[in-house]
Amino acid sequence: MKLAQLEKLVVDALEDIKGRDIEVINTSRLTSLFDCIVVACGDSNRQVKSLARNVQDKAREAGVEILSCEGEESGEWVLVDLGDIVVHVMQPAVRSYYRLEELWGGKGPERVRRAASEAQQAIAGER
């Protein structure tokens, strides 16, 4: 699966269960370990766990290997490693404390609508 398609799959899975403040951050210039991270918020432990579980379910359905999943026990911060994309689902307080967007060099959030639009354009251009 191409990166743009995987990004869209992840964003759609998060939006399905009302994930908030979804951001896609390109990290390809910073590390060779993965190409981007997706950060999203859930309002409760239960919602954070459900968001991460939905990402995993949709990825499995599409034939994407899930390399790792961490943090499901507490539900404050769940990390889903899909290889090229690492998904961070957090409660708002945890997200504001760790500020991953700043850590990974985002010059302000790359909003999901713009990222989803770019992903759609990339997919259309690959056909």
C-alpha atoms as a PDB file:
ATOM      1  CA  MET A   1       0.000   0.000   0.000  1.00  0.00           C
ATOM      2  CA  LYS A   2       1.313   3.420  -0.909  1.00  0.00           C
ATOM      3  CA  LEU A   3       1.972   5.995   1.797  1.00  0.00           C
ATOM      4  CA  ALA A   4      -0.815   8.356   0.676  1.00  0.00           C
ATOM      5  CA  GLN A   5      -3.323   5.501   0.764  1.00  0.00           C
ATOM      6  CA  LEU A   6      -2.151   4.439   4.216  1.00  0.00           C
ATOM      7  CA  GLU A   7      -2.422   8.026   5.491  1.00  0.00           C
ATOM      8  CA  LYS A   8      -5.989   8.224   4.199  1.00  0.00           C
ATOM      9  CA  LEU A   9      -6.858   4.871   5.776  1.00  0.00           C
ATOM     10  CA  VAL A  10      -5.537   6.023   9.171  1.00  0.00           C
ATOM     11  CA  VAL A  11      -7.252   9.419   9.038  1.00  0.00           C
ATOM     12  CA  ASP A  12     -10.551   7.852   7.956  1.00  0.00           C
ATOM     13  CA  ALA A  13     -10.338   5.286  10.775  1.00  0.00           C
ATOM     14  CA  LEU A  14      -9.791   8.080  13.303  1.00  0.00           C
ATOM     15  CA  GLU A  15     -12.600  10.214  11.892  1.00  0.00           C
ATOM     16  CA  ASP A  16     -14.977   7.227  11.978  1.00  0.00           C
ATOM     17  CA  ILE A  17     -14.940   7.298  15.780  1.00  0.00           C
ATOM     18  CA  LYS A  18     -14.829  11.076  16.146  1.00  0.00           C
ATOM     19  CA  GLY A  19     -11.112  11.493  16.743  1.00  0.00           C
ATOM     20  CA  ARG A  20     -10.302  15.157  17.310  1.00  0.00           C
ATOM     21  CA  ASP A  21      -7.463  17.454  16.264  1.00  0.00           C
ATOM     22  CA  ILE A  22      -6.027  14.951  13.795  1.00  0.00           C
ATOM     23  CA  GLU A  23      -2.651  16.039  12.459  1.00  0.00           C
ATOM     24  CA  VAL A  24      -0.363  14.409   9.920  1.00  0.00           C
ATOM     25  CA  ILE A  25       3.311  15.339  10.245  1.00  0.00           C
ATOM     26  CA  ASN A  26       5.852  14.409   7.604  1.00  0.00           C
ATOM     27  CA  THR A  27       8.996  13.096   9.321  1.00  0.00           C
ATOM     28  CA  SER A  28      10.799  11.685   6.289  1.00  0.00           C
ATOM     29  CA  ARG A  29      13.410  14.452   6.380  1.00  0.00           C
ATOM     30  CA  LEU A  30      14.109  13.787  10.078  1.00  0.00           C
ATOM     31  CA  THR A  31      14.328   9.993  10.331  1.00  0.00           C
ATOM     32  CA  SER A  32      14.519   6.945   8.114  1.00  0.00           C
ATOM     33  CA  LEU A  33      12.501   4.871  10.597  1.00  0.00           C
ATOM     34  CA  PHE A  34       9.081   6.080   9.374  1.00  0.00           C
ATOM     35  CA  ASP A  35       7.711   8.623   6.922  1.00  0.00           C
ATOM     36  CA  CYS A  36       5.096  10.362   9.034  1.00  0.00           C
ATOM     37  CA  ILE A  37       3.272  10.418  12.306  1.00  0.00           C
ATOM     38  CA  VAL A  38      -0.424  10.931  12.839  1.00  0.00           C
ATOM     39  CA  VAL A  39      -1.499  12.479  16.121  1.00  0.00           C
ATOM     40  CA  ALA A  40      -5.112  12.517  17.321  1.00  0.00           C
ATOM     41  CA  CYS A  41      -7.078  13.111  20.514  1.00  0.00           C
ATOM     42  CA  GLY A  42      -9.782  11.141  22.221  1.00  0.00           C
ATOM     43  CA  ASP A  43     -11.811  12.496  25.117  1.00  0.00           C
ATOM     44  CA  SER A  44     -11.568   9.482  27.428  1.00  0.00           C
ATOM     45  CA  ASN A  45      -9.557   6.310  28.029  1.00  0.00           C
ATOM     46  CA  ARG A  46     -12.293   4.347  26.329  1.00  0.00           C
ATOM     47  CA  GLN A  47     -12.341   6.571  23.235  1.00  0.00           C
ATOM     48  CA  VAL A  48      -8.536   6.579  22.940  1.00  0.00           C
ATOM     49  CA  LYS A  49      -8.519   2.775  23.050  1.00  0.00           C
ATOM     50  CA  SER A  50     -11.369   2.579  20.538  1.00  0.00           C
ATOM     51  CA  LEU A  51      -9.652   4.963  18.131  1.00  0.00           C
ATOM     52  CA  ALA A  52      -6.429   2.946  18.240  1.00  0.00           C
ATOM     53  CA  ARG A  53      -8.337  -0.327  17.873  1.00  0.00           C
ATOM     54  CA  ASN A  54     -10.231   1.021  14.844  1.00  0.00           C
ATOM     55  CA  VAL A  55      -6.961   2.052  13.177  1.00  0.00           C
ATOM     56  CA  GLN A  56      -5.619  -1.469  13.769  1.00  0.00           C
ATOM     57  CA  ASP A  57      -8.801  -3.121  12.482  1.00  0.00           C
ATOM     58  CA  LYS A  58      -8.902  -1.023   9.298  1.00  0.00           C
ATOM     59  CA  ALA A  59      -5.184  -1.612   8.711  1.00  0.00           C
ATOM     60  CA  ARG A  60      -5.596  -5.391   9.093  1.00  0.00           C
ATOM     61  CA  GLU A  61      -8.570  -5.361   6.701  1.00  0.00           C
ATOM     62  CA  ALA A  62      -6.376  -3.607   4.132  1.00  0.00           C
ATOM     63  CA  GLY A  63      -3.569  -6.127   4.603  1.00  0.00           C
ATOM     64  CA  VAL A  64      -1.252  -3.745   6.465  1.00  0.00           C
ATOM     65  CA  GLU A  65       1.004  -5.326   9.068  1.00  0.00           C
ATOM     66  CA  ILE A  66       0.790  -3.856  12.554  1.00  0.00           C
ATOM     67  CA  LEU A  67       4.317  -3.885  13.918  1.00  0.00           C
ATOM     68  CA  SER A  68       3.456  -2.866  17.462  1.00  0.00           C
ATOM     69  CA  CYS A  69       0.794  -1.362  19.683  1.00  0.00           C
ATOM     70  CA  GLU A  70       1.660   0.177  23.053  1.00  0.00           C
ATOM     71  CA  GLY A  71      -0.358   1.823  25.811  1.00  0.00           C
ATOM     72  CA  GLU A  72      -3.705   0.075  25.408  1.00  0.00           C
ATOM     73  CA  GLU A  73      -3.780  -0.808  29.091  1.00  0.00           C
ATOM     74  CA  SER A  74      -4.071   2.759  30.341  1.00  0.00           C
ATOM     75  CA  GLY A  75      -5.678   4.440  27.355  1.00  0.00           C
ATOM     76  CA  GLU A  76      -4.019   7.785  28.005  1.00  0.00           C
ATOM     77  CA  TRP A  77      -1.639   7.450  25.045  1.00  0.00           C
ATOM     78  CA  VAL A  78      -1.795   4.582  22.558  1.00  0.00           C
ATOM     79  CA  LEU A  79       0.859   4.208  19.885  1.00  0.00           C
ATOM     80  CA  VAL A  80       0.163   2.092  16.793  1.00  0.00           C
ATOM     81  CA  ASP A  81       3.214   1.355  14.628  1.00  0.00           C
ATOM     82  CA  LEU A  82       2.274   0.635  11.013  1.00  0.00           C
ATOM     83  CA  GLY A  83       5.827   0.813   9.710  1.00  0.00           C
ATOM     84  CA  ASP A  84       5.765   3.861   7.437  1.00  0.00           C
ATOM     85  CA  ILE A  85       3.291   5.611   9.733  1.00  0.00           C
ATOM     86  CA  VAL A  86       3.256   5.781  13.519  1.00  0.00           C
ATOM     87  CA  VAL A  87      -0.113   6.738  15.006  1.00  0.00           C
ATOM     88  CA  HIS A  88      -0.338   8.463  18.401  1.00  0.00           C
ATOM     89  CA  VAL A  89      -3.791   8.630  19.979  1.00  0.00           C
ATOM     90  CA  MET A  90      -3.788  10.668  23.187  1.00  0.00           C
ATOM     91  CA  GLN A  91      -5.993  12.357  25.690  1.00  0.00           C
ATOM     92  CA  PRO A  92      -5.766  16.164  25.383  1.00  0.00           C
ATOM     93  CA  ALA A  93      -3.787  16.686  28.623  1.00  0.00           C
ATOM     94  CA  VAL A  94      -1.159  14.129  27.586  1.00  0.00           C
ATOM     95  CA  ARG A  95      -0.925  15.618  24.118  1.00  0.00           C
ATOM     96  CA  SER A  96      -0.439  19.149  25.389  1.00  0.00           C
ATOM     97  CA  TYR A  97       2.215  17.951  27.845  1.00  0.00           C
ATOM     98  CA  TYR A  98       4.346  16.040  25.304  1.00  0.00           C
ATOM     99  CA  ARG A  99       3.715  18.350  22.306  1.00  0.00           C
ATOM    100  CA  LEU A 100       4.831  15.842  19.672  1.00  0.00           C
ATOM    101  CA  GLU A 101       4.092  18.325  16.921  1.00  0.00           C
ATOM    102  CA  GLU A 102       6.873  20.574  18.203  1.00  0.00           C
ATOM    103  CA  LEU A 103       9.195  17.662  18.899  1.00  0.00           C
ATOM    104  CA  TRP A 104       8.970  16.468  15.303  1.00  0.00           C
ATOM    105  CA  GLY A 105       9.567  19.940  13.920  1.00  0.00           C
ATOM    106  CA  GLY A 106       6.112  20.821  12.708  1.00  0.00           C
ATOM    107  CA  LYS A 107       5.885  24.513  11.877  1.00  0.00           C
ATOM    108  CA  GLY A 108       2.386  24.526  13.198  1.00  0.00           C
ATOM    109  CA  PRO A 109      -0.126  21.797  12.667  1.00  0.00           C
ATOM    110  CA  GLU A 110      -0.697  20.366   9.249  1.00  0.00           C
ATOM    111  CA  ARG A 111      -4.429  20.005   9.465  1.00  0.00           C
ATOM    112  CA  VAL A 112      -5.983  16.761   8.408  1.00  0.00           C
ATOM    113  CA  ARG A 113      -8.294  18.296   5.810  1.00  0.00           C
ATOM    114  CA  ARG A 114      -5.328  19.623   3.885  1.00  0.00           C
ATOM    115  CA  ALA A 115      -3.416  16.374   4.364  1.00  0.00           C
ATOM    116  CA  ALA A 116      -6.402  14.303   3.275  1.00  0.00           C
ATOM    117  CA  SER A 117      -6.824  16.512   0.212  1.00  0.00           C
ATOM    118  CA  GLU A 118      -3.148  16.094  -0.684  1.00  0.00           C
ATOM    119  CA  ALA A 119      -3.427  12.337  -0.185  1.00  0.00           C
ATOM    120  CA  GLN A 120      -6.440  12.201  -2.496  1.00  0.00           C
ATOM    121  CA  GLN A 121      -4.562  14.192  -5.142  1.00  0.00           C
ATOM    122  CA  ALA A 122      -1.553  11.863  -4.829  1.00  0.00           C
ATOM    123  CA  ILE A 123      -3.745   8.795  -5.195  1.00  0.00           C
ATOM    124  CA  ALA A 124      -5.468  10.291  -8.249  1.00  0.00           C
ATOM    125  CA  GLY A 125      -2.092  11.182  -9.777  1.00  0.00           C
ATOM    126  CA  GLU A 126      -0.791   7.619  -9.350  1.00  0.00           C
ATOM    127  CA  ARG A 127      -3.528   6.101 -11.482  1.00  0.00           C
END
